[in-house]
C-alpha atoms as a PDB file:
ATOM      1  CA  MET A   1     -21.598  17.560  11.210  1.00  0.00           C
ATOM      2  CA  ALA A   2     -18.898  15.962  13.216  1.00  0.00           C
ATOM      3  CA  THR A   3     -16.234  17.989  14.969  1.00  0.00           C
ATOM      4  CA  ASN A   4     -12.702  16.888  15.490  1.00  0.00           C
ATOM      5  CA  LYS A   5     -11.381  16.611  18.834  1.00  0.00           C
ATOM      6  CA  GLN A   6      -7.778  17.492  19.591  1.00  0.00           C
ATOM      7  CA  THR A   7      -5.566  14.957  21.570  1.00  0.00           C
ATOM      8  CA  GLN A   8      -1.819  14.674  22.181  1.00  0.00           C
ATOM      9  CA  VAL A   9       0.241  11.759  21.613  1.00  0.00           C
ATOM     10  CA  ARG A  10       3.861  11.051  22.729  1.00  0.00           C
ATOM     11  CA  LEU A  11       6.000   9.119  19.972  1.00  0.00           C
ATOM     12  CA  ASP A  12       9.608   8.155  19.998  1.00  0.00           C
ATOM     13  CA  GLU A  13      11.306  10.549  17.474  1.00  0.00           C
ATOM     14  CA  SER A  14      11.972   7.894  15.004  1.00  0.00           C
ATOM     15  CA  VAL A  15       8.505   6.352  15.020  1.00  0.00           C
ATOM     16  CA  LEU A  16       7.055  10.111  14.535  1.00  0.00           C
ATOM     17  CA  GLU A  17       9.434  10.478  11.480  1.00  0.00           C
ATOM     18  CA  ALA A  18       8.654   7.150   9.867  1.00  0.00           C
ATOM     19  CA  GLY A  19       4.985   8.223  10.323  1.00  0.00           C
ATOM     20  CA  LYS A  20       5.289  11.331   8.710  1.00  0.00           C
ATOM     21  CA  ALA A  21       7.453   9.894   5.794  1.00  0.00           C
ATOM     22  CA  ALA A  22       4.549   7.418   5.297  1.00  0.00           C
ATOM     23  CA  ALA A  23       1.897  10.031   5.309  1.00  0.00           C
ATOM     24  CA  ARG A  24       4.031  12.083   2.737  1.00  0.00           C
ATOM     25  CA  SER A  25       4.226   9.223   0.579  1.00  0.00           C
ATOM     26  CA  ARG A  26       0.359   8.871   0.714  1.00  0.00           C
ATOM     27  CA  ARG A  27      -0.020  12.351   0.149  1.00  0.00           C
ATOM     28  CA  LEU A  28      -1.653  12.914   3.279  1.00  0.00           C
ATOM     29  CA  ASP A  29      -1.155  15.210   6.398  1.00  0.00           C
ATOM     30  CA  PHE A  30      -0.018  13.315   9.390  1.00  0.00           C
ATOM     31  CA  ASN A  31      -3.381  13.895  11.209  1.00  0.00           C
ATOM     32  CA  LYS A  32      -5.282  12.055   8.268  1.00  0.00           C
ATOM     33  CA  TYR A  33      -2.681   9.465   8.138  1.00  0.00           C
ATOM     34  CA  VAL A  34      -3.146   8.475  11.910  1.00  0.00           C
ATOM     35  CA  GLU A  35      -7.051   8.970  11.752  1.00  0.00           C
ATOM     36  CA  ARG A  36      -7.111   6.479   8.854  1.00  0.00           C
ATOM     37  CA  LEU A  37      -4.824   3.822  10.699  1.00  0.00           C
ATOM     38  CA  ILE A  38      -7.227   3.999  13.498  1.00  0.00           C
ATOM     39  CA  ILE A  39     -10.321   3.671  11.340  1.00  0.00           C
ATOM     40  CA  GLU A  40      -8.750   0.842   9.440  1.00  0.00           C
ATOM     41  CA  ASP A  41      -7.696  -0.872  12.564  1.00  0.00           C
ATOM     42  CA  THR A  42     -10.769  -0.621  14.392  1.00  0.00           C
ATOM     43  CA  THR A  43     -13.108  -1.428  11.515  1.00  0.00           C
ATOM     44  CA  GLY A  44     -11.495  -4.599  10.406  1.00  0.00           C
ATOM     45  CA  ALA A  45     -10.554  -2.933   7.050  1.00  0.00           C
ATOM     46  CA  ARG A  46      -7.020  -3.477   7.516  1.00  0.00           C
ATOM     47  CA  ALA A  47      -7.530  -7.244   8.377  1.00  0.00           C
ATOM     48  CA  ALA A  48      -9.584  -7.611   5.478  1.00  0.00           C
ATOM     49  CA  GLY A  49      -6.945  -6.081   3.062  1.00  0.00           C
ATOM     50  CA  MET A  50      -4.311  -8.236   4.470  1.00  0.00           C
ATOM     51  CA  ALA A  51      -6.357 -11.174   4.220  1.00  0.00           C
ATOM     52  CA  ALA A  52      -6.963 -10.400   0.356  1.00  0.00           C
ATOM     53  CA  ALA A  53      -3.237  -9.766   0.064  1.00  0.00           C
ATOM     54  CA  GLN A  54      -2.501 -13.190   1.505  1.00  0.00           C
ATOM     55  CA  ARG A  55      -5.121 -14.754  -0.729  1.00  0.00           C
ATOM     56  CA  LEU A  56      -3.212 -13.115  -3.833  1.00  0.00           C
ATOM     57  CA  ILE A  57       0.001 -14.382  -2.916  1.00  0.00           C
ATOM     58  CA  ASN A  58      -1.217 -17.939  -2.161  1.00  0.00           C
ATOM     59  CA  GLU A  59      -2.980 -18.175  -5.353  1.00  0.00           C
ATOM     60  CA  HIS A  60      -0.366 -16.192  -7.576  1.00  0.00           C
ATOM     61  CA  GLY A  61       2.836 -16.195  -5.657  1.00  0.00           C
ATOM     62  CA  THR A  62       4.682 -18.291  -8.157  1.00  0.00           C
ATOM     63  CA  PHE A  63       3.708 -16.313 -11.008  1.00  0.00           C
ATOM     64  CA  LEU A  64       4.688 -13.113  -9.172  1.00  0.00           C
ATOM     65  CA  ASP A  65       8.140 -14.424  -8.215  1.00  0.00           C
ATOM     66  CA  ASP A  66       8.742 -15.565 -11.790  1.00  0.00           C
ATOM     67  CA  LEU A  67       7.706 -12.038 -12.954  1.00  0.00           C
ATOM     68  CA  GLU A  68       9.986 -10.248 -10.540  1.00  0.00           C
ATOM     69  CA  GLU A  69      13.068 -12.655 -11.577  1.00  0.00           C
ATOM     70  CA  GLN A  70      12.237 -11.525 -15.150  1.00  0.00           C
ATOM     71  CA  PHE A  71      12.306  -7.820 -14.266  1.00  0.00           C
ATOM     72  CA  ASP A  72      15.482  -8.217 -12.282  1.00  0.00           C
ATOM     73  CA  ALA A  73      17.299 -10.384 -14.663  1.00  0.00           C
ATOM     74  CA  PRO A  74      18.767  -7.419 -16.846  1.00  0.00           C
ATOM     75  CA  TYR A  75      20.198  -5.958 -13.648  1.00  0.00           C
ATOM     76  CA  ALA A  76      21.715  -8.973 -12.289  1.00  0.00           C
ATOM     77  CA  GLN A  77      24.273  -9.073 -15.003  1.00  0.00           C
ATOM     78  CA  GLN A  78      27.700  -7.488 -14.022  1.00  0.00           C
ATOM     79  CA  GLN A  79      28.055  -4.136 -15.772  1.00  0.00           C
ATOM     80  CA  PRO A  80      31.273  -3.279 -17.452  1.00  0.00           C
ATOM     81  CA  GLY A  81      33.747  -1.366 -15.233  1.00  0.00           C
ATOM     82  CA  ALA A  82      31.832  -2.088 -12.237  1.00  0.00           C
ATOM     83  CA  ALA A  83      33.598  -3.445  -9.133  1.00  0.00           C
ATOM     84  CA  ALA A  84      33.326  -7.239  -8.591  1.00  0.00           C
END
């Protein structure tokens, strides 16, 4: 069974808060979030995911742009009583 090793890291307060917010949004504690970032970075998993995302954009970007426009269209119209 692997044991966890404790370490200390100094971060700018804004970086720490952004990291904690990102961890919360993923329902992870901060330690697990940092651990996953390191694992993804050192195993190539992050690069593979980014490459897959880029392929998706390259192959279907126009469709996704059109879909986004359709979803945004109802909100683009000026609402009655709204400031111009």
